[in-house]
């Protein structure tokens, strides 16, 4: 289940490599940030933050274009991304690895939520396994005791799609992309809503597929889950909920379109 590790590769601490570029066909009032040296998950995080902040932007490969008026806000978001990219664990500290790469994403997400609540720092290694400080072993074991048995979870999913089946995983991502693309243009498309919710239910049960880095896969699944949850009837219409809460939590067509666009942009990298 675990194995000790004395050191770990740390992501490069990018600081000043993402200066605005002027040679990407900009229009008046626009500026661009070149993010080619960022990890894929960092670009995905920036995209999520831009959407959440309602900052209009467009990606051209690894270059993101924004309005000059939003420069200060974008710079602040980039600082947040760079801060999150720094290693959570001291490279000099002895570490343990918990083999969780084969767990469904939903269970991995629950694990992360519990670790965060317990204020236990962690990282993911290249195999998709969890890496923690050796000094936190007892606390991590206590967190694992709170979670369902991953083998029982796998048994419950017996006979369903395997994350080792590359063709099947690609077909699932195709379905996600197709339905998200339709919802981006037509957020009330009933067939696309049903299709998206159904395929996300399958997607979130998959373990980390071959070729994906854990943060990339988790971010993709999280974006799919966010859109799926927004499509729930209680989210779209607050008729059955009570007054103020309903009106404040109701999801607009514009928000669904934005969530669908964000998901489409993430999935497009893999289909």
C-alpha atoms as a PDB file:
ATOM      1  CA  UNK A   1       0.000   0.000   0.000  1.00  0.00           C
ATOM      2  CA  UNK A   2       2.822   2.404   0.861  1.00  0.00           C
ATOM      3  CA  UNK A   3       6.487   2.734   0.110  1.00  0.00           C
ATOM      4  CA  UNK A   4       9.080   5.191   1.457  1.00  0.00           C
ATOM      5  CA  UNK A   5      10.590   7.806  -0.800  1.00  0.00           C
ATOM      6  CA  UNK A   6      13.478  10.073   0.127  1.00  0.00           C
ATOM      7  CA  UNK A   7      13.106  12.621  -2.635  1.00  0.00           C
ATOM      8  CA  UNK A   8      10.739  13.626  -5.375  1.00  0.00           C
ATOM      9  CA  UNK A   9      10.893  15.587  -8.546  1.00  0.00           C
ATOM     10  CA  UNK A  10       9.579  19.071  -7.928  1.00  0.00           C
ATOM     11  CA  UNK A  11       7.857  21.151 -10.600  1.00  0.00           C
ATOM     12  CA  UNK A  12       9.878  24.079 -11.830  1.00  0.00           C
ATOM     13  CA  UNK A  13       9.116  27.260  -9.983  1.00  0.00           C
ATOM     14  CA  UNK A  14       8.112  29.450 -12.924  1.00  0.00           C
ATOM     15  CA  UNK A  15       8.259  33.139 -12.159  1.00  0.00           C
ATOM     16  CA  UNK A  16       8.884  35.491 -15.052  1.00  0.00           C
ATOM     17  CA  UNK A  17       8.467  33.319 -18.138  1.00  0.00           C
ATOM     18  CA  UNK A  18       4.886  34.252 -18.985  1.00  0.00           C
ATOM     19  CA  UNK A  19       5.266  37.759 -20.336  1.00  0.00           C
ATOM     20  CA  UNK A  20       2.751  39.204 -22.765  1.00  0.00           C
ATOM     21  CA  UNK A  21       3.469  38.422 -26.402  1.00  0.00           C
ATOM     22  CA  UNK A  22       2.926  40.867 -29.258  1.00  0.00           C
ATOM     23  CA  UNK A  23       3.263  38.564 -32.265  1.00  0.00           C
ATOM     24  CA  UNK A  24       0.107  36.431 -32.132  1.00  0.00           C
ATOM     25  CA  UNK A  25      -2.165  38.563 -34.291  1.00  0.00           C
ATOM     26  CA  UNK A  26      -3.604  40.752 -31.559  1.00  0.00           C
ATOM     27  CA  UNK A  27      -6.329  43.297 -32.155  1.00  0.00           C
ATOM     28  CA  UNK A  28      -6.381  46.752 -30.575  1.00  0.00           C
ATOM     29  CA  UNK A  29      -7.035  46.598 -26.853  1.00  0.00           C
ATOM     30  CA  UNK A  30      -5.842  42.993 -26.509  1.00  0.00           C
ATOM     31  CA  UNK A  31      -2.795  41.380 -24.941  1.00  0.00           C
ATOM     32  CA  UNK A  32      -1.528  37.809 -24.811  1.00  0.00           C
ATOM     33  CA  UNK A  33       0.245  35.561 -22.330  1.00  0.00           C
ATOM     34  CA  UNK A  34       2.452  32.741 -23.610  1.00  0.00           C
ATOM     35  CA  UNK A  35       2.027  29.687 -21.359  1.00  0.00           C
ATOM     36  CA  UNK A  36       3.895  27.044 -23.363  1.00  0.00           C
ATOM     37  CA  UNK A  37       6.303  26.266 -20.512  1.00  0.00           C
ATOM     38  CA  UNK A  38       3.456  25.670 -18.058  1.00  0.00           C
ATOM     39  CA  UNK A  39       2.272  22.192 -17.174  1.00  0.00           C
ATOM     40  CA  UNK A  40      -1.069  21.269 -18.700  1.00  0.00           C
ATOM     41  CA  UNK A  41      -2.789  21.292 -15.322  1.00  0.00           C
ATOM     42  CA  UNK A  42      -1.570  24.853 -14.686  1.00  0.00           C
ATOM     43  CA  UNK A  43      -3.087  26.053 -17.967  1.00  0.00           C
ATOM     44  CA  UNK A  44      -6.295  24.255 -17.044  1.00  0.00           C
ATOM     45  CA  UNK A  45      -6.328  25.965 -13.658  1.00  0.00           C
ATOM     46  CA  UNK A  46      -5.807  29.385 -15.255  1.00  0.00           C
ATOM     47  CA  UNK A  47      -8.687  28.680 -17.635  1.00  0.00           C
ATOM     48  CA  UNK A  48     -10.939  27.752 -14.718  1.00  0.00           C
ATOM     49  CA  UNK A  49      -9.992  30.891 -12.797  1.00  0.00           C
ATOM     50  CA  UNK A  50     -10.602  33.116 -15.819  1.00  0.00           C
ATOM     51  CA  UNK A  51     -14.069  31.637 -16.266  1.00  0.00           C
ATOM     52  CA  UNK A  52     -14.881  31.961 -12.556  1.00  0.00           C
ATOM     53  CA  UNK A  53     -13.742  35.602 -12.625  1.00  0.00           C
ATOM     54  CA  UNK A  54     -15.864  36.172 -15.766  1.00  0.00           C
ATOM     55  CA  UNK A  55     -12.836  37.478 -17.683  1.00  0.00           C
ATOM     56  CA  UNK A  56     -13.316  37.191 -21.447  1.00  0.00           C
ATOM     57  CA  UNK A  57     -10.418  35.287 -22.996  1.00  0.00           C
ATOM     58  CA  UNK A  58      -9.479  32.998 -25.866  1.00  0.00           C
ATOM     59  CA  UNK A  59      -6.851  30.288 -26.203  1.00  0.00           C
ATOM     60  CA  UNK A  60      -4.706  29.850 -29.315  1.00  0.00           C
ATOM     61  CA  UNK A  61      -2.675  26.769 -28.536  1.00  0.00           C
ATOM     62  CA  UNK A  62      -0.840  27.601 -25.316  1.00  0.00           C
ATOM     63  CA  UNK A  63      -1.322  31.371 -25.687  1.00  0.00           C
ATOM     64  CA  UNK A  64      -4.228  33.057 -23.942  1.00  0.00           C
ATOM     65  CA  UNK A  65      -5.543  36.414 -25.174  1.00  0.00           C
ATOM     66  CA  UNK A  66      -7.370  38.867 -22.910  1.00  0.00           C
ATOM     67  CA  UNK A  67      -8.476  42.499 -22.946  1.00  0.00           C
ATOM     68  CA  UNK A  68      -5.842  44.980 -21.795  1.00  0.00           C
ATOM     69  CA  UNK A  69      -8.362  46.365 -19.314  1.00  0.00           C
ATOM     70  CA  UNK A  70      -8.216  43.025 -17.458  1.00  0.00           C
ATOM     71  CA  UNK A  71      -4.409  42.933 -17.207  1.00  0.00           C
ATOM     72  CA  UNK A  72      -4.174  43.483 -13.448  1.00  0.00           C
ATOM     73  CA  UNK A  73      -6.854  40.878 -12.709  1.00  0.00           C
ATOM     74  CA  UNK A  74      -5.207  38.339 -15.018  1.00  0.00           C
ATOM     75  CA  UNK A  75      -1.788  39.006 -13.469  1.00  0.00           C
ATOM     76  CA  UNK A  76      -3.281  38.297 -10.039  1.00  0.00           C
ATOM     77  CA  UNK A  77      -4.761  35.004 -11.262  1.00  0.00           C
ATOM     78  CA  UNK A  78      -1.426  34.010 -12.807  1.00  0.00           C
ATOM     79  CA  UNK A  79       0.235  34.660  -9.447  1.00  0.00           C
ATOM     80  CA  UNK A  80      -2.308  32.281  -7.888  1.00  0.00           C
ATOM     81  CA  UNK A  81      -1.538  29.605 -10.485  1.00  0.00           C
ATOM     82  CA  UNK A  82       2.215  29.945  -9.970  1.00  0.00           C
ATOM     83  CA  UNK A  83       1.781  29.691  -6.210  1.00  0.00           C
ATOM     84  CA  UNK A  84      -0.276  26.508  -6.536  1.00  0.00           C
ATOM     85  CA  UNK A  85       2.350  24.972  -8.841  1.00  0.00           C
ATOM     86  CA  UNK A  86       5.010  25.065  -6.145  1.00  0.00           C
ATOM     87  CA  UNK A  87       5.607  21.729  -4.385  1.00  0.00           C
ATOM     88  CA  UNK A  88       3.466  21.180  -1.289  1.00  0.00           C
ATOM     89  CA  UNK A  89       6.074  18.915   0.307  1.00  0.00           C
ATOM     90  CA  UNK A  90       9.564  19.838   1.440  1.00  0.00           C
ATOM     91  CA  UNK A  91      11.908  18.130  -1.088  1.00  0.00           C
ATOM     92  CA  UNK A  92      14.255  17.271   1.788  1.00  0.00           C
ATOM     93  CA  UNK A  93      11.631  15.486   3.897  1.00  0.00           C
ATOM     94  CA  UNK A  94      11.291  11.698   3.907  1.00  0.00           C
ATOM     95  CA  UNK A  95       8.134  10.658   2.085  1.00  0.00           C
ATOM     96  CA  UNK A  96       5.702   7.771   1.752  1.00  0.00           C
ATOM     97  CA  UNK A  97       3.738   6.783  -1.326  1.00  0.00           C
ATOM     98  CA  UNK A  98       0.207   5.397  -1.062  1.00  0.00           C
ATOM     99  CA  UNK A  99      -0.791   3.446  -4.158  1.00  0.00           C
ATOM    100  CA  UNK A 100      -4.127   4.971  -5.151  1.00  0.00           C
ATOM    101  CA  UNK A 101      -3.652   5.415  -8.908  1.00  0.00           C
ATOM    102  CA  UNK A 102      -6.125   2.614  -9.649  1.00  0.00           C
ATOM    103  CA  UNK A 103      -8.876   4.187  -7.537  1.00  0.00           C
ATOM    104  CA  UNK A 104     -11.885   5.795  -9.241  1.00  0.00           C
ATOM    105  CA  UNK A 105     -11.584   9.571  -9.487  1.00  0.00           C
ATOM    106  CA  UNK A 106     -14.630   9.990  -7.244  1.00  0.00           C
ATOM    107  CA  UNK A 107     -12.834   8.111  -4.458  1.00  0.00           C
ATOM    108  CA  UNK A 108      -9.574   9.985  -5.058  1.00  0.00           C
ATOM    109  CA  UNK A 109     -11.513  13.246  -4.799  1.00  0.00           C
ATOM    110  CA  UNK A 110     -12.993  12.145  -1.486  1.00  0.00           C
ATOM    111  CA  UNK A 111      -9.483  11.288  -0.281  1.00  0.00           C
ATOM    112  CA  UNK A 112      -8.206  14.746  -1.264  1.00  0.00           C
ATOM    113  CA  UNK A 113     -11.139  16.418   0.486  1.00  0.00           C
ATOM    114  CA  UNK A 114     -10.366  14.518   3.686  1.00  0.00           C
ATOM    115  CA  UNK A 115      -6.633  15.325   3.501  1.00  0.00           C
ATOM    116  CA  UNK A 116      -7.407  19.001   2.939  1.00  0.00           C
ATOM    117  CA  UNK A 117      -9.818  19.067   5.876  1.00  0.00           C
ATOM    118  CA  UNK A 118      -7.139  17.455   8.056  1.00  0.00           C
ATOM    119  CA  UNK A 119      -4.542  19.963   6.763  1.00  0.00           C
ATOM    120  CA  UNK A 120      -2.230  17.188   5.569  1.00  0.00           C
ATOM    121  CA  UNK A 121       0.000  18.316   2.659  1.00  0.00           C
ATOM    122  CA  UNK A 122       0.312  15.930  -0.283  1.00  0.00           C
ATOM    123  CA  UNK A 123       1.473  15.628  -3.877  1.00  0.00           C
ATOM    124  CA  UNK A 124       0.834  13.207  -6.752  1.00  0.00           C
ATOM    125  CA  UNK A 125       3.727  11.299  -8.279  1.00  0.00           C
ATOM    126  CA  UNK A 126       4.144  10.490 -11.972  1.00  0.00           C
ATOM    127  CA  UNK A 127       2.280   7.175 -11.561  1.00  0.00           C
ATOM    128  CA  UNK A 128      -0.777   8.892 -10.082  1.00  0.00           C
ATOM    129  CA  UNK A 129      -0.101   7.696  -6.533  1.00  0.00           C
ATOM    130  CA  UNK A 130      -0.378   9.840  -3.410  1.00  0.00           C
ATOM    131  CA  UNK A 131       2.823  11.126  -1.825  1.00  0.00           C
ATOM    132  CA  UNK A 132       2.904  12.444   1.770  1.00  0.00           C
ATOM    133  CA  UNK A 133       5.458  13.168   4.457  1.00  0.00           C
ATOM    134  CA  UNK A 134       6.585  10.105   6.369  1.00  0.00           C
ATOM    135  CA  UNK A 135       5.841  11.991   9.591  1.00  0.00           C
ATOM    136  CA  UNK A 136       2.155  12.176   8.568  1.00  0.00           C
ATOM    137  CA  UNK A 137       1.758   8.418   8.063  1.00  0.00           C
ATOM    138  CA  UNK A 138      -0.537   7.853  11.062  1.00  0.00           C
ATOM    139  CA  UNK A 139      -2.779  10.789  10.123  1.00  0.00           C
ATOM    140  CA  UNK A 140      -3.053   9.589   6.523  1.00  0.00           C
ATOM    141  CA  UNK A 141      -3.846   6.049   7.657  1.00  0.00           C
ATOM    142  CA  UNK A 142      -6.624   7.485   9.827  1.00  0.00           C
ATOM    143  CA  UNK A 143      -8.049   9.316   6.805  1.00  0.00           C
ATOM    144  CA  UNK A 144      -7.928   6.135   4.713  1.00  0.00           C
ATOM    145  CA  UNK A 145      -9.885   4.307   7.412  1.00  0.00           C
ATOM    146  CA  UNK A 146     -12.758   6.738   6.827  1.00  0.00           C
ATOM    147  CA  UNK A 147     -13.006   5.925   3.120  1.00  0.00           C
ATOM    148  CA  UNK A 148     -14.823   3.024   1.420  1.00  0.00           C
ATOM    149  CA  UNK A 149     -12.732  -0.002   0.532  1.00  0.00           C
ATOM    150  CA  UNK A 150     -11.464   0.681  -3.022  1.00  0.00           C
ATOM    151  CA  UNK A 151     -11.619  -3.027  -3.853  1.00  0.00           C
ATOM    152  CA  UNK A 152     -15.286  -3.166  -2.861  1.00  0.00           C
ATOM    153  CA  UNK A 153     -15.919  -0.040  -4.921  1.00  0.00           C
ATOM    154  CA  UNK A 154     -14.250  -1.723  -7.887  1.00  0.00           C
ATOM    155  CA  UNK A 155     -16.381  -4.835  -7.370  1.00  0.00           C
ATOM    156  CA  UNK A 156     -19.524  -2.705  -7.433  1.00  0.00           C
ATOM    157  CA  UNK A 157     -18.381  -1.340 -10.773  1.00  0.00           C
ATOM    158  CA  UNK A 158     -17.563  -4.828 -12.094  1.00  0.00           C
ATOM    159  CA  UNK A 159     -18.156  -5.329 -15.788  1.00  0.00           C
ATOM    160  CA  UNK A 160     -18.129  -1.622 -16.541  1.00  0.00           C
ATOM    161  CA  UNK A 161     -15.613   0.418 -18.532  1.00  0.00           C
ATOM    162  CA  UNK A 162     -11.945  -0.088 -17.663  1.00  0.00           C
ATOM    163  CA  UNK A 163      -9.571   2.870 -17.600  1.00  0.00           C
ATOM    164  CA  UNK A 164      -6.991   0.563 -19.218  1.00  0.00           C
ATOM    165  CA  UNK A 165      -9.146   0.368 -22.351  1.00  0.00           C
ATOM    166  CA  UNK A 166      -7.731   3.312 -24.308  1.00  0.00           C
ATOM    167  CA  UNK A 167     -10.261   3.097 -27.129  1.00  0.00           C
ATOM    168  CA  UNK A 168     -13.211   2.999 -24.728  1.00  0.00           C
ATOM    169  CA  UNK A 169     -11.844   5.933 -22.709  1.00  0.00           C
ATOM    170  CA  UNK A 170     -11.438   7.923 -25.925  1.00  0.00           C
ATOM    171  CA  UNK A 171     -15.043   7.143 -26.861  1.00  0.00           C
ATOM    172  CA  UNK A 172     -16.202   8.390 -23.451  1.00  0.00           C
ATOM    173  CA  UNK A 173     -14.254  11.628 -23.909  1.00  0.00           C
ATOM    174  CA  UNK A 174     -15.754  11.986 -27.391  1.00  0.00           C
ATOM    175  CA  UNK A 175     -19.233  11.777 -25.863  1.00  0.00           C
ATOM    176  CA  UNK A 176     -18.313  14.353 -23.228  1.00  0.00           C
ATOM    177  CA  UNK A 177     -16.949  16.701 -25.894  1.00  0.00           C
ATOM    178  CA  UNK A 178     -19.934  16.248 -28.205  1.00  0.00           C
ATOM    179  CA  UNK A 179     -22.530  16.955 -25.506  1.00  0.00           C
ATOM    180  CA  UNK A 180     -20.565  19.825 -23.963  1.00  0.00           C
ATOM    181  CA  UNK A 181     -20.148  21.429 -27.394  1.00  0.00           C
ATOM    182  CA  UNK A 182     -23.902  21.238 -27.979  1.00  0.00           C
ATOM    183  CA  UNK A 183     -24.642  22.722 -24.564  1.00  0.00           C
ATOM    184  CA  UNK A 184     -22.188  25.531 -25.191  1.00  0.00           C
ATOM    185  CA  UNK A 185     -24.395  26.701 -28.081  1.00  0.00           C
ATOM    186  CA  UNK A 186     -27.769  25.404 -26.877  1.00  0.00           C
ATOM    187  CA  UNK A 187     -27.791  25.188 -23.040  1.00  0.00           C
ATOM    188  CA  UNK A 188     -31.379  23.905 -22.933  1.00  0.00           C
ATOM    189  CA  UNK A 189     -30.850  21.051 -25.418  1.00  0.00           C
ATOM    190  CA  UNK A 190     -32.645  18.190 -23.623  1.00  0.00           C
ATOM    191  CA  UNK A 191     -30.797  15.386 -25.421  1.00  0.00           C
ATOM    192  CA  UNK A 192     -27.420  16.978 -24.702  1.00  0.00           C
ATOM    193  CA  UNK A 193     -28.333  17.476 -21.042  1.00  0.00           C
ATOM    194  CA  UNK A 194     -29.288  13.817 -20.613  1.00  0.00           C
ATOM    195  CA  UNK A 195     -26.256  12.672 -22.599  1.00  0.00           C
ATOM    196  CA  UNK A 196     -23.844  14.799 -20.579  1.00  0.00           C
ATOM    197  CA  UNK A 197     -25.204  13.706 -17.195  1.00  0.00           C
ATOM    198  CA  UNK A 198     -25.100  10.035 -18.214  1.00  0.00           C
ATOM    199  CA  UNK A 199     -21.544  10.107 -19.555  1.00  0.00           C
ATOM    200  CA  UNK A 200     -20.227  12.043 -16.549  1.00  0.00           C
ATOM    201  CA  UNK A 201     -21.627   9.333 -14.264  1.00  0.00           C
ATOM    202  CA  UNK A 202     -19.371   6.880 -16.125  1.00  0.00           C
ATOM    203  CA  UNK A 203     -16.408   9.254 -16.327  1.00  0.00           C
ATOM    204  CA  UNK A 204     -16.198   9.879 -12.590  1.00  0.00           C
ATOM    205  CA  UNK A 205     -15.933   6.140 -11.863  1.00  0.00           C
ATOM    206  CA  UNK A 206     -12.792   5.707 -13.958  1.00  0.00           C
ATOM    207  CA  UNK A 207      -9.360   5.338 -12.442  1.00  0.00           C
ATOM    208  CA  UNK A 208      -6.535   7.412 -13.925  1.00  0.00           C
ATOM    209  CA  UNK A 209      -6.228   6.408 -17.613  1.00  0.00           C
ATOM    210  CA  UNK A 210      -2.835   5.788 -19.171  1.00  0.00           C
ATOM    211  CA  UNK A 211      -1.214   8.948 -20.518  1.00  0.00           C
ATOM    212  CA  UNK A 212      -2.872  11.387 -18.110  1.00  0.00           C
ATOM    213  CA  UNK A 213      -1.212  13.196 -15.227  1.00  0.00           C
ATOM    214  CA  UNK A 214      -3.322  12.986 -12.042  1.00  0.00           C
ATOM    215  CA  UNK A 215      -3.997  16.745 -11.727  1.00  0.00           C
ATOM    216  CA  UNK A 216      -4.980  16.953 -15.418  1.00  0.00           C
ATOM    217  CA  UNK A 217      -7.441  14.083 -15.145  1.00  0.00           C
ATOM    218  CA  UNK A 218      -8.897  15.299 -11.866  1.00  0.00           C
ATOM    219  CA  UNK A 219      -9.369  18.806 -13.272  1.00  0.00           C
ATOM    220  CA  UNK A 220     -11.106  17.420 -16.357  1.00  0.00           C
ATOM    221  CA  UNK A 221     -13.432  15.247 -14.278  1.00  0.00           C
ATOM    222  CA  UNK A 222     -14.111  18.137 -11.883  1.00  0.00           C
ATOM    223  CA  UNK A 223     -15.108  20.380 -14.806  1.00  0.00           C
ATOM    224  CA  UNK A 224     -17.430  17.649 -16.088  1.00  0.00           C
ATOM    225  CA  UNK A 225     -18.960  17.176 -12.636  1.00  0.00           C
ATOM    226  CA  UNK A 226     -19.464  20.927 -12.236  1.00  0.00           C
ATOM    227  CA  UNK A 227     -21.395  21.115 -15.497  1.00  0.00           C
ATOM    228  CA  UNK A 228     -23.389  17.976 -14.673  1.00  0.00           C
ATOM    229  CA  UNK A 229     -24.367  19.382 -11.274  1.00  0.00           C
ATOM    230  CA  UNK A 230     -25.368  22.694 -12.859  1.00  0.00           C
ATOM    231  CA  UNK A 231     -27.731  20.769 -15.137  1.00  0.00           C
ATOM    232  CA  UNK A 232     -29.649  19.284 -12.209  1.00  0.00           C
ATOM    233  CA  UNK A 233     -33.283  20.546 -12.248  1.00  0.00           C
ATOM    234  CA  UNK A 234     -32.921  22.099  -8.790  1.00  0.00           C
ATOM    235  CA  UNK A 235     -29.935  24.098 -10.036  1.00  0.00           C
ATOM    236  CA  UNK A 236     -31.513  25.320 -13.255  1.00  0.00           C
ATOM    237  CA  UNK A 237     -34.830  26.251 -11.666  1.00  0.00           C
ATOM    238  CA  UNK A 238     -35.391  27.083  -8.034  1.00  0.00           C
ATOM    239  CA  UNK A 239     -39.145  26.492  -8.149  1.00  0.00           C
ATOM    240  CA  UNK A 240     -39.106  23.736  -5.555  1.00  0.00           C
ATOM    241  CA  UNK A 241     -36.621  25.450  -3.277  1.00  0.00           C
ATOM    242  CA  UNK A 242     -37.287  28.287  -0.914  1.00  0.00           C
ATOM    243  CA  UNK A 243     -37.269  31.870  -2.214  1.00  0.00           C
ATOM    244  CA  UNK A 244     -34.002  33.697  -1.571  1.00  0.00           C
ATOM    245  CA  UNK A 245     -31.792  30.607  -1.622  1.00  0.00           C
ATOM    246  CA  UNK A 246     -33.393  29.368  -4.834  1.00  0.00           C
ATOM    247  CA  UNK A 247     -32.936  32.635  -6.680  1.00  0.00           C
ATOM    248  CA  UNK A 248     -29.314  33.005  -5.580  1.00  0.00           C
ATOM    249  CA  UNK A 249     -28.363  29.424  -6.520  1.00  0.00           C
ATOM    250  CA  UNK A 250     -30.279  29.122  -9.793  1.00  0.00           C
ATOM    251  CA  UNK A 251     -27.953  28.548 -12.750  1.00  0.00           C
ATOM    252  CA  UNK A 252     -28.535  30.670 -15.842  1.00  0.00           C
ATOM    253  CA  UNK A 253     -28.263  29.533 -19.451  1.00  0.00           C
ATOM    254  CA  UNK A 254     -25.231  31.795 -19.793  1.00  0.00           C
ATOM    255  CA  UNK A 255     -23.501  30.036 -16.898  1.00  0.00           C
ATOM    256  CA  UNK A 256     -24.223  26.618 -18.391  1.00  0.00           C
ATOM    257  CA  UNK A 257     -22.768  27.799 -21.710  1.00  0.00           C
ATOM    258  CA  UNK A 258     -19.627  29.007 -19.927  1.00  0.00           C
ATOM    259  CA  UNK A 259     -19.197  25.750 -17.999  1.00  0.00           C
ATOM    260  CA  UNK A 260     -19.753  23.769 -21.202  1.00  0.00           C
ATOM    261  CA  UNK A 261     -17.160  25.892 -23.010  1.00  0.00           C
ATOM    262  CA  UNK A 262     -14.599  25.353 -20.266  1.00  0.00           C
ATOM    263  CA  UNK A 263     -15.190  21.599 -20.330  1.00  0.00           C
ATOM    264  CA  UNK A 264     -14.985  21.512 -24.136  1.00  0.00           C
ATOM    265  CA  UNK A 265     -11.643  23.334 -24.059  1.00  0.00           C
ATOM    266  CA  UNK A 266     -10.211  20.804 -21.611  1.00  0.00           C
ATOM    267  CA  UNK A 267     -11.503  17.711 -23.398  1.00  0.00           C
ATOM    268  CA  UNK A 268     -10.446  19.029 -26.825  1.00  0.00           C
ATOM    269  CA  UNK A 269      -6.820  18.391 -25.831  1.00  0.00           C
ATOM    270  CA  UNK A 270      -7.469  14.644 -25.743  1.00  0.00           C
ATOM    271  CA  UNK A 271      -9.939  13.919 -28.570  1.00  0.00           C
END
